[in-house]
Amino acid sequence: MKGFLVTDYFPEYAKFLEVVLPLIREGKIVYLEDIAEGLENAPAVLLGLFSGGHVGKQVVVVSRE
């Protein structure tokens, strides 16, 4: 097994955006966000990350202001 760091590929990020953003806009790539409301829910959300209790990108909304 071989790992990598995202920062190793930072110089490629602009090219990645050129390719991926149009695909997202066209609906060919769809991503999911699992949104939890309130900082008080952050500990439970964090535990859920370790148990597979979320789908897609996990976000905790602290304030909508």
Protein backbone atom coordinates (compact mmCIF):
# COMPACT_ATOMS: atom_id res chain seq x y z
CA MET A 1 0.00 0.00 0.00
CA LYS A 2 1.25 3.47 -0.83
CA GLY A 3 -0.23 6.69 0.45
CA PHE A 4 0.03 10.27 -0.73
CA LEU A 5 -0.53 13.76 0.57
CA VAL A 6 -2.92 16.13 -1.12
CA THR A 7 -0.30 18.86 -0.84
CA ASP A 8 2.00 16.82 -3.09
CA TYR A 9 -0.41 17.55 -5.94
CA PHE A 10 -1.22 21.18 -5.18
CA PRO A 11 0.45 22.41 -8.41
CA GLU A 12 -2.14 20.31 -10.32
CA TYR A 13 -5.15 21.88 -8.54
CA ALA A 14 -5.88 24.55 -11.18
CA LYS A 15 -5.97 21.91 -13.93
CA PHE A 16 -8.19 19.72 -11.77
CA LEU A 17 -10.68 22.59 -11.38
CA GLU A 18 -10.66 23.24 -15.14
CA VAL A 19 -11.70 19.65 -15.74
CA VAL A 20 -14.04 19.01 -12.82
CA LEU A 21 -16.02 22.26 -12.41
CA PRO A 22 -17.67 22.06 -15.85
CA LEU A 23 -18.66 18.47 -15.11
CA ILE A 24 -20.26 19.52 -11.82
CA ARG A 25 -22.12 22.36 -13.56
CA GLU A 26 -23.41 19.94 -16.22
CA GLY A 27 -24.61 17.52 -13.54
CA LYS A 28 -22.25 14.76 -14.67
CA ILE A 29 -20.58 14.73 -11.26
CA VAL A 30 -22.82 14.95 -8.21
CA TYR A 31 -21.61 15.23 -4.65
CA LEU A 32 -23.50 14.89 -1.39
CA GLU A 33 -23.27 16.95 1.76
CA ASP A 34 -24.46 15.70 5.14
CA ILE A 35 -25.24 18.89 7.07
CA ALA A 36 -25.64 18.99 10.86
CA GLU A 37 -26.95 22.14 12.55
CA GLY A 38 -25.31 23.61 15.63
CA LEU A 39 -21.96 23.38 17.34
CA GLU A 40 -23.53 21.30 20.09
CA ASN A 41 -23.91 18.48 17.54
CA ALA A 42 -20.22 18.53 16.53
CA PRO A 43 -19.10 15.77 18.98
CA ALA A 44 -21.74 13.36 17.70
CA VAL A 45 -20.89 14.26 14.09
CA LEU A 46 -17.21 13.58 14.76
CA LEU A 47 -18.00 10.17 16.21
CA GLY A 48 -20.18 9.47 13.18
CA LEU A 49 -17.18 10.03 10.91
CA PHE A 50 -15.43 7.08 12.54
CA SER A 51 -18.43 4.77 12.34
CA GLY A 52 -19.54 5.56 8.79
CA GLY A 53 -22.56 7.47 10.03
CA HIS A 54 -22.52 10.00 7.19
CA VAL A 55 -22.75 10.21 3.41
CA GLY A 56 -20.59 12.53 1.34
CA LYS A 57 -18.99 15.62 2.81
CA GLN A 58 -19.82 16.15 6.49
CA VAL A 59 -20.51 19.77 7.46
CA VAL A 60 -21.42 21.29 10.82
CA VAL A 61 -23.21 24.63 10.44
CA VAL A 62 -22.31 26.77 13.43
CA SER A 63 -24.27 29.86 12.39
CA ARG A 64 -26.33 30.91 9.40
CA GLU A 65 -25.74 34.61 10.06
